[in-house]
PDB file of N, CA and C in Angstrom:
ATOM      1  N   UNK A   1     236.382 294.802  82.523  1.00  0.00           N
ATOM      2  CA  UNK A   1     237.199 293.883  81.747  1.00  0.00           C
ATOM      3  C   UNK A   1     238.516 293.619  82.460  1.00  0.00           C
ATOM      4  N   UNK A   2     239.115 292.495  82.153  1.00  0.00           N
ATOM      5  CA  UNK A   2     240.390 292.159  82.779  1.00  0.00           C
ATOM      6  C   UNK A   2     241.512 293.026  82.199  1.00  0.00           C
ATOM      7  N   UNK A   3     242.610 293.111  82.939  1.00  0.00           N
ATOM      8  CA  UNK A   3     243.759 293.901  82.483  1.00  0.00           C
ATOM      9  C   UNK A   3     244.335 293.313  81.201  1.00  0.00           C
ATOM     10  N   UNK A   4     244.351 291.994  81.091  1.00  0.00           N
ATOM     11  CA  UNK A   4     244.877 291.349  79.881  1.00  0.00           C
ATOM     12  C   UNK A   4     244.011 291.693  78.668  1.00  0.00           C
ATOM     13  N   UNK A   5     242.700 291.677  78.831  1.00  0.00           N
ATOM     14  CA  UNK A   5     241.780 291.992  77.732  1.00  0.00           C
ATOM     15  C   UNK A   5     241.986 293.436  77.252  1.00  0.00           C
ATOM     16  N   UNK A   6     242.069 294.370  78.192  1.00  0.00           N
ATOM     17  CA  UNK A   6     242.253 295.782  77.835  1.00  0.00           C
ATOM     18  C   UNK A   6     243.595 295.989  77.137  1.00  0.00           C
ATOM     19  N   UNK A   7     244.645 295.356  77.657  1.00  0.00           N
ATOM     20  CA  UNK A   7     245.973 295.479  77.042  1.00  0.00           C
ATOM     21  C   UNK A   7     245.968 294.916  75.632  1.00  0.00           C
ATOM     22  N   UNK A   8     245.331 293.784  75.437  1.00  0.00           N
ATOM     23  CA  UNK A   8     245.241 293.177  74.106  1.00  0.00           C
ATOM     24  C   UNK A   8     244.511 294.106  73.139  1.00  0.00           C
ATOM     25  N   UNK A   9     243.444 294.727  73.587  1.00  0.00           N
ATOM     26  CA  UNK A   9     242.692 295.649  72.732  1.00  0.00           C
ATOM     27  C   UNK A   9     243.519 296.891  72.394  1.00  0.00           C
ATOM     28  N   UNK A  10     244.259 297.407  73.364  1.00  0.00           N
ATOM     29  CA  UNK A  10     245.100 298.586  73.120  1.00  0.00           C
ATOM     30  C   UNK A  10     246.108 298.279  72.019  1.00  0.00           C
ATOM     31  N   UNK A  11     246.768 297.121  72.111  1.00  0.00           N
ATOM     32  CA  UNK A  11     247.785 296.783  71.123  1.00  0.00           C
ATOM     33  C   UNK A  11     247.173 296.456  69.763  1.00  0.00           C
ATOM     34  N   UNK A  12     245.987 295.868  69.744  1.00  0.00           N
ATOM     35  CA  UNK A  12     245.315 295.594  68.470  1.00  0.00           C
ATOM     36  C   UNK A  12     245.047 296.899  67.731  1.00  0.00           C
ATOM     37  N   UNK A  13     244.453 297.879  68.420  1.00  0.00           N
ATOM     38  CA  UNK A  13     244.123 299.142  67.767  1.00  0.00           C
ATOM     39  C   UNK A  13     245.369 299.959  67.454  1.00  0.00           C
ATOM     40  N   UNK A  14     246.415 299.813  68.242  1.00  0.00           N
ATOM     41  CA  UNK A  14     247.675 300.492  67.928  1.00  0.00           C
ATOM     42  C   UNK A  14     248.249 299.977  66.618  1.00  0.00           C
ATOM     43  N   UNK A  15     248.212 298.666  66.425  1.00  0.00           N
ATOM     44  CA  UNK A  15     248.725 298.079  65.178  1.00  0.00           C
ATOM     45  C   UNK A  15     247.859 298.507  63.998  1.00  0.00           C
ATOM     46  N   UNK A  16     246.552 298.479  64.181  1.00  0.00           N
ATOM     47  CA  UNK A  16     245.633 298.866  63.099  1.00  0.00           C
ATOM     48  C   UNK A  16     245.857 300.323  62.686  1.00  0.00           C
ATOM     49  N   UNK A  17     246.061 301.204  63.650  1.00  0.00           N
ATOM     50  CA  UNK A  17     246.223 302.622  63.307  1.00  0.00           C
ATOM     51  C   UNK A  17     247.610 302.948  62.763  1.00  0.00           C
ATOM     52  N   UNK A  18     248.622 302.144  63.072  1.00  0.00           N
ATOM     53  CA  UNK A  18     249.969 302.443  62.574  1.00  0.00           C
ATOM     54  C   UNK A  18     250.205 301.853  61.183  1.00  0.00           C
ATOM     55  N   UNK A  19     249.462 300.850  60.799  1.00  0.00           N
ATOM     56  CA  UNK A  19     249.683 300.219  59.496  1.00  0.00           C
ATOM     57  C   UNK A  19     249.539 301.173  58.315  1.00  0.00           C
ATOM     58  N   UNK A  20     248.533 302.052  58.264  1.00  0.00           N
ATOM     59  CA  UNK A  20     248.468 302.987  57.133  1.00  0.00           C
ATOM     60  C   UNK A  20     249.707 303.874  57.029  1.00  0.00           C
ATOM     61  N   UNK A  21     250.240 304.306  58.155  1.00  0.00           N
ATOM     62  CA  UNK A  21     251.453 305.116  58.136  1.00  0.00           C
ATOM     63  C   UNK A  21     252.632 304.306  57.614  1.00  0.00           C
ATOM     64  N   UNK A  22     252.717 303.071  58.021  1.00  0.00           N
ATOM     65  CA  UNK A  22     253.793 302.188  57.547  1.00  0.00           C
ATOM     66  C   UNK A  22     253.745 302.057  56.026  1.00  0.00           C
ATOM     67  N   UNK A  23     252.554 301.795  55.486  1.00  0.00           N
ATOM     68  CA  UNK A  23     252.431 301.623  54.043  1.00  0.00           C
ATOM     69  C   UNK A  23     252.560 302.951  53.294  1.00  0.00           C
ATOM     70  N   UNK A  24     252.138 304.043  53.911  1.00  0.00           N
ATOM     71  CA  UNK A  24     252.241 305.351  53.266  1.00  0.00           C
ATOM     72  C   UNK A  24     253.691 305.802  53.126  1.00  0.00           C
ATOM     73  N   UNK A  25     254.528 305.434  54.072  1.00  0.00           N
ATOM     74  CA  UNK A  25     255.936 305.841  54.008  1.00  0.00           C
ATOM     75  C   UNK A  25     256.769 304.894  53.161  1.00  0.00           C
ATOM     76  N   UNK A  26     256.186 303.775  52.785  1.00  0.00           N
ATOM     77  CA  UNK A  26     256.880 302.761  51.980  1.00  0.00           C
ATOM     78  C   UNK A  26     258.198 302.361  52.647  1.00  0.00           C
ATOM     79  N   UNK A  27     258.108 302.138  53.939  1.00  0.00           N
ATOM     80  CA  UNK A  27     259.299 301.742  54.709  1.00  0.00           C
ATOM     81  C   UNK A  27     259.809 300.396  54.196  1.00  0.00           C
ATOM     82  N   UNK A  28     261.109 300.301  54.121  1.00  0.00           N
ATOM     83  CA  UNK A  28     261.735 299.078  53.650  1.00  0.00           C
ATOM     84  C   UNK A  28     262.102 298.227  54.862  1.00  0.00           C
ATOM     85  N   UNK A  29     261.332 297.186  55.114  1.00  0.00           N
ATOM     86  CA  UNK A  29     261.578 296.312  56.251  1.00  0.00           C
ATOM     87  C   UNK A  29     262.033 294.961  55.739  1.00  0.00           C
ATOM     88  N   UNK A  30     263.271 294.634  56.016  1.00  0.00           N
ATOM     89  CA  UNK A  30     263.829 293.356  55.612  1.00  0.00           C
ATOM     90  C   UNK A  30     263.647 292.367  56.754  1.00  0.00           C
ATOM     91  N   UNK A  31     262.832 291.329  56.579  1.00  0.00           N
ATOM     92  CA  UNK A  31     262.593 290.358  57.660  1.00  0.00           C
ATOM     93  C   UNK A  31     263.871 289.661  58.137  1.00  0.00           C
ATOM     94  N   UNK A  32     264.908 289.634  57.325  1.00  0.00           N
ATOM     95  CA  UNK A  32     266.159 288.994  57.718  1.00  0.00           C
ATOM     96  C   UNK A  32     266.836 289.715  58.874  1.00  0.00           C
ATOM     97  N   UNK A  33     266.495 290.989  59.059  1.00  0.00           N
ATOM     98  CA  UNK A  33     267.075 291.760  60.151  1.00  0.00           C
ATOM     99  C   UNK A  33     266.737 291.109  61.496  1.00  0.00           C
ATOM    100  N   UNK A  34     265.541 290.523  61.600  1.00  0.00           N
ATOM    101  CA  UNK A  34     265.110 289.905  62.851  1.00  0.00           C
ATOM    102  C   UNK A  34     265.855 288.616  63.169  1.00  0.00           C
ATOM    103  N   UNK A  35     266.620 288.105  62.232  1.00  0.00           N
ATOM    104  CA  UNK A  35     267.417 286.906  62.491  1.00  0.00           C
ATOM    105  C   UNK A  35     268.696 287.220  63.257  1.00  0.00           C
ATOM    106  N   UNK A  36     269.088 288.471  63.306  1.00  0.00           N
ATOM    107  CA  UNK A  36     270.264 288.861  64.083  1.00  0.00           C
ATOM    108  C   UNK A  36     269.915 288.759  65.568  1.00  0.00           C
ATOM    109  N   UNK A  37     270.759 288.102  66.356  1.00  0.00           N
ATOM    110  CA  UNK A  37     270.438 287.905  67.778  1.00  0.00           C
ATOM    111  C   UNK A  37     270.198 289.206  68.545  1.00  0.00           C
ATOM    112  N   UNK A  38     271.009 290.243  68.301  1.00  0.00           N
ATOM    113  CA  UNK A  38     270.835 291.490  69.054  1.00  0.00           C
ATOM    114  C   UNK A  38     269.518 292.176  68.708  1.00  0.00           C
ATOM    115  N   UNK A  39     269.091 292.062  67.457  1.00  0.00           N
ATOM    116  CA  UNK A  39     267.809 292.657  67.057  1.00  0.00           C
ATOM    117  C   UNK A  39     266.661 291.876  67.676  1.00  0.00           C
ATOM    118  N   UNK A  40     266.751 290.560  67.655  1.00  0.00           N
ATOM    119  CA  UNK A  40     265.707 289.711  68.234  1.00  0.00           C
ATOM    120  C   UNK A  40     265.562 289.970  69.731  1.00  0.00           C
ATOM    121  N   UNK A  41     266.679 290.019  70.436  1.00  0.00           N
ATOM    122  CA  UNK A  41     266.631 290.260  71.879  1.00  0.00           C
ATOM    123  C   UNK A  41     266.063 291.641  72.175  1.00  0.00           C
ATOM    124  N   UNK A  42     266.525 292.658  71.460  1.00  0.00           N
ATOM    125  CA  UNK A  42     266.004 294.014  71.671  1.00  0.00           C
ATOM    126  C   UNK A  42     264.516 294.089  71.367  1.00  0.00           C
ATOM    127  N   UNK A  43     264.091 293.459  70.287  1.00  0.00           N
ATOM    128  CA  UNK A  43     262.671 293.451  69.915  1.00  0.00           C
ATOM    129  C   UNK A  43     261.832 292.784  71.003  1.00  0.00           C
ATOM    130  N   UNK A  44     262.298 291.651  71.501  1.00  0.00           N
ATOM    131  CA  UNK A  44     261.549 290.951  72.547  1.00  0.00           C
ATOM    132  C   UNK A  44     261.501 291.751  73.843  1.00  0.00           C
ATOM    133  N   UNK A  45     262.621 292.359  74.222  1.00  0.00           N
ATOM    134  CA  UNK A  45     262.629 293.173  75.443  1.00  0.00           C
ATOM    135  C   UNK A  45     261.685 294.366  75.324  1.00  0.00           C
ATOM    136  N   UNK A  46     261.751 295.045  74.180  1.00  0.00           N
ATOM    137  CA  UNK A  46     260.883 296.209  73.989  1.00  0.00           C
ATOM    138  C   UNK A  46     259.412 295.826  73.891  1.00  0.00           C
ATOM    139  N   UNK A  47     259.122 294.770  73.169  1.00  0.00           N
ATOM    140  CA  UNK A  47     257.719 294.401  72.983  1.00  0.00           C
ATOM    141  C   UNK A  47     257.124 293.753  74.225  1.00  0.00           C
ATOM    142  N   UNK A  48     257.851 292.840  74.853  1.00  0.00           N
ATOM    143  CA  UNK A  48     257.289 292.126  75.996  1.00  0.00           C
ATOM    144  C   UNK A  48     257.321 292.941  77.284  1.00  0.00           C
ATOM    145  N   UNK A  49     258.460 293.527  77.599  1.00  0.00           N
ATOM    146  CA  UNK A  49     258.587 294.190  78.886  1.00  0.00           C
ATOM    147  C   UNK A  49     258.233 295.668  78.837  1.00  0.00           C
ATOM    148  N   UNK A  50     258.801 296.394  77.899  1.00  0.00           N
ATOM    149  CA  UNK A  50     258.584 297.837  77.871  1.00  0.00           C
ATOM    150  C   UNK A  50     257.190 298.195  77.380  1.00  0.00           C
ATOM    151  N   UNK A  51     256.554 297.317  76.660  1.00  0.00           N
ATOM    152  CA  UNK A  51     255.226 297.636  76.145  1.00  0.00           C
ATOM    153  C   UNK A  51     254.144 296.798  76.805  1.00  0.00           C
ATOM    154  N   UNK A  52     254.109 295.526  76.514  1.00  0.00           N
ATOM    155  CA  UNK A  52     253.007 294.683  76.982  1.00  0.00           C
ATOM    156  C   UNK A  52     252.950 294.625  78.503  1.00  0.00           C
ATOM    157  N   UNK A  53     254.068 294.316  79.144  1.00  0.00           N
ATOM    158  CA  UNK A  53     254.053 294.199  80.599  1.00  0.00           C
ATOM    159  C   UNK A  53     253.753 295.547  81.266  1.00  0.00           C
ATOM    160  N   UNK A  54     254.276 296.621  80.698  1.00  0.00           N
ATOM    161  CA  UNK A  54     254.032 297.935  81.282  1.00  0.00           C
ATOM    162  C   UNK A  54     252.539 298.276  81.251  1.00  0.00           C
ATOM    163  N   UNK A  55     251.883 298.029  80.120  1.00  0.00           N
ATOM    164  CA  UNK A  55     250.445 298.305  80.040  1.00  0.00           C
ATOM    165  C   UNK A  55     249.654 297.383  80.953  1.00  0.00           C
ATOM    166  N   UNK A  56     250.054 296.131  81.038  1.00  0.00           N
ATOM    167  CA  UNK A  56     249.342 295.176  81.889  1.00  0.00           C
ATOM    168  C   UNK A  56     249.463 295.583  83.361  1.00  0.00           C
ATOM    169  N   UNK A  57     250.672 295.940  83.784  1.00  0.00           N
ATOM    170  CA  UNK A  57     250.885 296.376  85.172  1.00  0.00           C
ATOM    171  C   UNK A  57     250.110 297.662  85.444  1.00  0.00           C
ATOM    172  N   UNK A  58     250.079 298.553  84.452  1.00  0.00           N
ATOM    173  CA  UNK A  58     249.322 299.795  84.617  1.00  0.00           C
ATOM    174  C   UNK A  58     247.837 299.506  84.820  1.00  0.00           C
ATOM    175  N   UNK A  59     247.313 298.579  84.041  1.00  0.00           N
ATOM    176  CA  UNK A  59     245.901 298.211  84.199  1.00  0.00           C
ATOM    177  C   UNK A  59     245.638 297.596  85.565  1.00  0.00           C
ATOM    178  N   UNK A  60     246.541 296.749  86.016  1.00  0.00           N
ATOM    179  CA  UNK A  60     246.396 296.140  87.341  1.00  0.00           C
ATOM    180  C   UNK A  60     246.425 297.222  88.427  1.00  0.00           C
ATOM    181  N   UNK A  61     247.350 298.152  88.312  1.00  0.00           N
ATOM    182  CA  UNK A  61     247.442 299.243  89.294  1.00  0.00           C
ATOM    183  C   UNK A  61     246.168 300.080  89.299  1.00  0.00           C
ATOM    184  N   UNK A  62     245.604 300.309  88.132  1.00  0.00           N
ATOM    185  CA  UNK A  62     244.361 301.078  88.033  1.00  0.00           C
ATOM    186  C   UNK A  62     243.225 300.342  88.723  1.00  0.00           C
ATOM    187  N   UNK A  63     243.180 299.024  88.565  1.00  0.00           N
ATOM    188  CA  UNK A  63     242.127 298.250  89.233  1.00  0.00           C
ATOM    189  C   UNK A  63     242.292 298.279  90.753  1.00  0.00           C
ATOM    190  N   UNK A  64     243.519 298.235  91.235  1.00  0.00           N
ATOM    191  CA  UNK A  64     243.773 298.198  92.677  1.00  0.00           C
ATOM    192  C   UNK A  64     243.649 299.578  93.311  1.00  0.00           C
ATOM    193  N   UNK A  65     244.297 300.581  92.706  1.00  0.00           N
ATOM    194  CA  UNK A  65     244.348 301.917  93.303  1.00  0.00           C
ATOM    195  C   UNK A  65     243.231 302.842  92.836  1.00  0.00           C
ATOM    196  N   UNK A  66     242.679 302.552  91.668  1.00  0.00           N
ATOM    197  CA  UNK A  66     241.654 303.417  91.101  1.00  0.00           C
ATOM    198  C   UNK A  66     242.244 304.349  90.061  1.00  0.00           C
ATOM    199  N   UNK A  67     241.410 304.771  89.138  1.00  0.00           N
ATOM    200  CA  UNK A  67     241.861 305.601  88.028  1.00  0.00           C
ATOM    201  C   UNK A  67     242.336 306.975  88.485  1.00  0.00           C
ATOM    202  N   UNK A  68     241.706 307.526  89.498  1.00  0.00           N
ATOM    203  CA  UNK A  68     242.072 308.867  89.945  1.00  0.00           C
ATOM    204  C   UNK A  68     243.511 308.924  90.449  1.00  0.00           C
ATOM    205  N   UNK A  69     243.965 307.883  91.137  1.00  0.00           N
ATOM    206  CA  UNK A  69     245.334 307.899  91.663  1.00  0.00           C
ATOM    207  C   UNK A  69     246.356 307.531  90.606  1.00  0.00           C
ATOM    208  N   UNK A  70     246.069 306.542  89.782  1.00  0.00           N
ATOM    209  CA  UNK A  70     247.072 306.078  88.821  1.00  0.00           C
ATOM    210  C   UNK A  70     247.199 306.984  87.610  1.00  0.00           C
ATOM    211  N   UNK A  71     246.119 307.570  87.144  1.00  0.00           N
ATOM    212  CA  UNK A  71     246.184 308.382  85.927  1.00  0.00           C
ATOM    213  C   UNK A  71     246.961 309.676  86.108  1.00  0.00           C
ATOM    214  N   UNK A  72     247.003 310.203  87.306  1.00  0.00           N
ATOM    215  CA  UNK A  72     247.804 311.401  87.540  1.00  0.00           C
ATOM    216  C   UNK A  72     249.283 311.143  87.342  1.00  0.00           C
ATOM    217  N   UNK A  73     249.711 309.940  87.646  1.00  0.00           N
ATOM    218  CA  UNK A  73     251.136 309.628  87.570  1.00  0.00           C
ATOM    219  C   UNK A  73     251.593 309.228  86.172  1.00  0.00           C
ATOM    220  N   UNK A  74     250.683 308.964  85.266  1.00  0.00           N
ATOM    221  CA  UNK A  74     251.106 308.655  83.892  1.00  0.00           C
ATOM    222  C   UNK A  74     251.761 309.879  83.257  1.00  0.00           C
ATOM    223  N   UNK A  75     251.377 311.054  83.744  1.00  0.00           N
ATOM    224  CA  UNK A  75     251.987 312.283  83.227  1.00  0.00           C
ATOM    225  C   UNK A  75     253.442 312.426  83.641  1.00  0.00           C
ATOM    226  N   UNK A  76     253.885 311.640  84.613  1.00  0.00           N
ATOM    227  CA  UNK A  76     255.261 311.739  85.087  1.00  0.00           C
ATOM    228  C   UNK A  76     256.230 310.879  84.278  1.00  0.00           C
ATOM    229  N   UNK A  77     255.732 310.114  83.332  1.00  0.00           N
ATOM    230  CA  UNK A  77     256.596 309.262  82.520  1.00  0.00           C
ATOM    231  C   UNK A  77     257.684 310.074  81.807  1.00  0.00           C
ATOM    232  N   UNK A  78     257.364 311.216  81.170  1.00  0.00           N
ATOM    233  CA  UNK A  78     258.446 311.995  80.547  1.00  0.00           C
ATOM    234  C   UNK A  78     259.492 312.486  81.557  1.00  0.00           C
ATOM    235  N   UNK A  79     259.059 312.813  82.755  1.00  0.00           N
ATOM    236  CA  UNK A  79     259.983 313.256  83.789  1.00  0.00           C
ATOM    237  C   UNK A  79     260.924 312.122  84.181  1.00  0.00           C
ATOM    238  N   UNK A  80     260.366 310.931  84.411  1.00  0.00           N
ATOM    239  CA  UNK A  80     261.195 309.768  84.744  1.00  0.00           C
ATOM    240  C   UNK A  80     262.142 309.420  83.597  1.00  0.00           C
ATOM    241  N   UNK A  81     261.657 309.534  82.370  1.00  0.00           N
ATOM    242  CA  UNK A  81     262.497 309.238  81.208  1.00  0.00           C
ATOM    243  C   UNK A  81     263.670 310.202  81.136  1.00  0.00           C
ATOM    244  N   UNK A  82     263.414 311.472  81.380  1.00  0.00           N
ATOM    245  CA  UNK A  82     264.480 312.471  81.340  1.00  0.00           C
ATOM    246  C   UNK A  82     265.524 312.194  82.425  1.00  0.00           C
ATOM    247  N   UNK A  83     265.068 311.889  83.624  1.00  0.00           N
ATOM    248  CA  UNK A  83     265.991 311.611  84.725  1.00  0.00           C
ATOM    249  C   UNK A  83     266.793 310.337  84.456  1.00  0.00           C
ATOM    250  N   UNK A  84     266.115 309.290  83.991  1.00  0.00           N
ATOM    251  CA  UNK A  84     266.807 308.037  83.703  1.00  0.00           C
ATOM    252  C   UNK A  84     267.816 308.190  82.569  1.00  0.00           C
ATOM    253  N   UNK A  85     267.483 308.970  81.551  1.00  0.00           N
ATOM    254  CA  UNK A  85     268.431 309.169  80.449  1.00  0.00           C
ATOM    255  C   UNK A  85     269.658 309.944  80.921  1.00  0.00           C
ATOM    256  N   UNK A  86     269.461 310.836  81.882  1.00  0.00           N
ATOM    257  CA  UNK A  86     270.611 311.560  82.434  1.00  0.00           C
ATOM    258  C   UNK A  86     271.481 310.631  83.275  1.00  0.00           C
ATOM    259  N   UNK A  87     270.855 309.784  84.084  1.00  0.00           N
ATOM    260  CA  UNK A  87     271.602 308.899  84.975  1.00  0.00           C
ATOM    261  C   UNK A  87     272.245 307.744  84.202  1.00  0.00           C
ATOM    262  N   UNK A  88     271.460 307.091  83.347  1.00  0.00           N
ATOM    263  CA  UNK A  88     271.941 305.883  82.667  1.00  0.00           C
ATOM    264  C   UNK A  88     272.782 306.216  81.435  1.00  0.00           C
ATOM    265  N   UNK A  89     272.310 307.146  80.620  1.00  0.00           N
ATOM    266  CA  UNK A  89     272.982 307.442  79.354  1.00  0.00           C
ATOM    267  C   UNK A  89     273.919 308.642  79.431  1.00  0.00           C
ATOM    268  N   UNK A  90     273.861 309.352  80.533  1.00  0.00           N
ATOM    269  CA  UNK A  90     274.726 310.516  80.684  1.00  0.00           C
ATOM    270  C   UNK A  90     274.290 311.722  79.871  1.00  0.00           C
ATOM    271  N   UNK A  91     273.025 311.782  79.476  1.00  0.00           N
ATOM    272  CA  UNK A  91     272.532 312.927  78.706  1.00  0.00           C
ATOM    273  C   UNK A  91     272.390 314.146  79.612  1.00  0.00           C
ATOM    274  N   UNK A  92     272.554 315.305  79.019  1.00  0.00           N
ATOM    275  CA  UNK A  92     272.419 316.557  79.757  1.00  0.00           C
ATOM    276  C   UNK A  92     270.940 316.951  79.826  1.00  0.00           C
ATOM    277  N   UNK A  93     270.521 317.450  80.974  1.00  0.00           N
ATOM    278  CA  UNK A  93     269.157 317.961  81.117  1.00  0.00           C
ATOM    279  C   UNK A  93     269.191 319.444  80.785  1.00  0.00           C
ATOM    280  N   UNK A  94     268.452 319.819  79.746  1.00  0.00           N
ATOM    281  CA  UNK A  94     268.439 321.216  79.311  1.00  0.00           C
ATOM    282  C   UNK A  94     267.532 322.042  80.213  1.00  0.00           C
ATOM    283  N   UNK A  95     267.606 323.342  80.053  1.00  0.00           N
ATOM    284  CA  UNK A  95     266.742 324.243  80.812  1.00  0.00           C
ATOM    285  C   UNK A  95     265.280 324.009  80.445  1.00  0.00           C
ATOM    286  N   UNK A  96     265.024 323.654  79.186  1.00  0.00           N
ATOM    287  CA  UNK A  96     263.655 323.361  78.755  1.00  0.00           C
ATOM    288  C   UNK A  96     263.161 322.060  79.385  1.00  0.00           C
ATOM    289  N   UNK A  97     264.045 321.074  79.445  1.00  0.00           N
ATOM    290  CA  UNK A  97     263.692 319.813  80.087  1.00  0.00           C
ATOM    291  C   UNK A  97     263.412 320.008  81.566  1.00  0.00           C
ATOM    292  N   UNK A  98     264.255 320.785  82.219  1.00  0.00           N
ATOM    293  CA  UNK A  98     264.061 321.053  83.637  1.00  0.00           C
ATOM    294  C   UNK A  98     262.767 321.834  83.869  1.00  0.00           C
ATOM    295  N   UNK A  99     262.508 322.812  83.015  1.00  0.00           N
ATOM    296  CA  UNK A  99     261.271 323.598  83.140  1.00  0.00           C
ATOM    297  C   UNK A  99     260.051 322.708  82.935  1.00  0.00           C
ATOM    298  N   UNK A 100     260.113 321.863  81.927  1.00  0.00           N
ATOM    299  CA  UNK A 100     259.008 320.940  81.683  1.00  0.00           C
ATOM    300  C   UNK A 100     258.809 319.980  82.839  1.00  0.00           C
ATOM    301  N   UNK A 101     259.909 319.492  83.408  1.00  0.00           N
ATOM    302  CA  UNK A 101     259.823 318.589  84.558  1.00  0.00           C
ATOM    303  C   UNK A 101     259.182 319.249  85.760  1.00  0.00           C
ATOM    304  N   UNK A 102     259.536 320.505  85.995  1.00  0.00           N
ATOM    305  CA  UNK A 102     258.940 321.248  87.106  1.00  0.00           C
ATOM    306  C   UNK A 102     257.446 321.450  86.873  1.00  0.00           C
ATOM    307  N   UNK A 103     257.073 321.773  85.638  1.00  0.00           N
ATOM    308  CA  UNK A 103     255.644 321.940  85.317  1.00  0.00           C
ATOM    309  C   UNK A 103     254.873 320.630  85.483  1.00  0.00           C
ATOM    310  N   UNK A 104     255.470 319.535  85.029  1.00  0.00           N
ATOM    311  CA  UNK A 104     254.823 318.221  85.182  1.00  0.00           C
ATOM    312  C   UNK A 104     254.635 317.901  86.654  1.00  0.00           C
ATOM    313  N   UNK A 105     255.703 318.031  87.421  1.00  0.00           N
ATOM    314  CA  UNK A 105     255.638 317.726  88.845  1.00  0.00           C
ATOM    315  C   UNK A 105     254.622 318.621  89.549  1.00  0.00           C
ATOM    316  N   UNK A 106     254.627 319.904  89.210  1.00  0.00           N
ATOM    317  CA  UNK A 106     253.661 320.820  89.807  1.00  0.00           C
ATOM    318  C   UNK A 106     252.228 320.456  89.454  1.00  0.00           C
ATOM    319  N   UNK A 107     252.001 320.086  88.202  1.00  0.00           N
ATOM    320  CA  UNK A 107     250.661 319.695  87.777  1.00  0.00           C
ATOM    321  C   UNK A 107     250.161 318.444  88.493  1.00  0.00           C
ATOM    322  N   UNK A 108     251.038 317.469  88.656  1.00  0.00           N
ATOM    323  CA  UNK A 108     250.641 316.234  89.352  1.00  0.00           C
ATOM    324  C   UNK A 108     250.369 316.533  90.825  1.00  0.00           C
ATOM    325  N   UNK A 109     251.192 317.379  91.446  1.00  0.00           N
ATOM    326  CA  UNK A 109     250.964 317.728  92.855  1.00  0.00           C
ATOM    327  C   UNK A 109     249.629 318.450  93.019  1.00  0.00           C
ATOM    328  N   UNK A 110     249.367 319.410  92.140  1.00  0.00           N
ATOM    329  CA  UNK A 110     248.082 320.146  92.218  1.00  0.00           C
ATOM    330  C   UNK A 110     246.909 319.189  92.024  1.00  0.00           C
ATOM    331  N   UNK A 111     247.018 318.280  91.055  1.00  0.00           N
ATOM    332  CA  UNK A 111     245.922 317.349  90.789  1.00  0.00           C
ATOM    333  C   UNK A 111     245.715 316.381  91.965  1.00  0.00           C
ATOM    334  N   UNK A 112     246.794 315.952  92.594  1.00  0.00           N
ATOM    335  CA  UNK A 112     246.681 314.997  93.692  1.00  0.00           C
ATOM    336  C   UNK A 112     246.168 315.651  94.980  1.00  0.00           C
ATOM    337  N   UNK A 113     246.508 316.905  95.191  1.00  0.00           N
ATOM    338  CA  UNK A 113     246.057 317.595  96.403  1.00  0.00           C
ATOM    339  C   UNK A 113     244.559 317.835  96.338  1.00  0.00           C
ATOM    340  N   UNK A 114     244.066 318.163  95.168  1.00  0.00           N
ATOM    341  CA  UNK A 114     242.621 318.392  95.016  1.00  0.00           C
ATOM    342  C   UNK A 114     241.960 317.082  95.061  1.00  0.00           C
TER     343      UNK A 114
END
């Protein structure tokens, strides 16, 4: 299947599985909130680039490089997030975060060497 088809299916099932939780929590969502420019821009950036484009690019990379090479690196997303939050947001990296990062990096290295 094409990368676009797979991405569309992923998001369809994600919405279907999250809806029961949304209704179970009785979350109060005011549609007027989306009329605020900062909310609209943030929503579009998160939905289009951080979600849809990221999954689409991931699917393309999997088709080009193969699942064995690309899937090992998906485990590094938390490591990259921790590093980026420290650099961009100035957050402190805890000993637990550092330990987890070392374990992630070690696991990916072991998986890639084999």
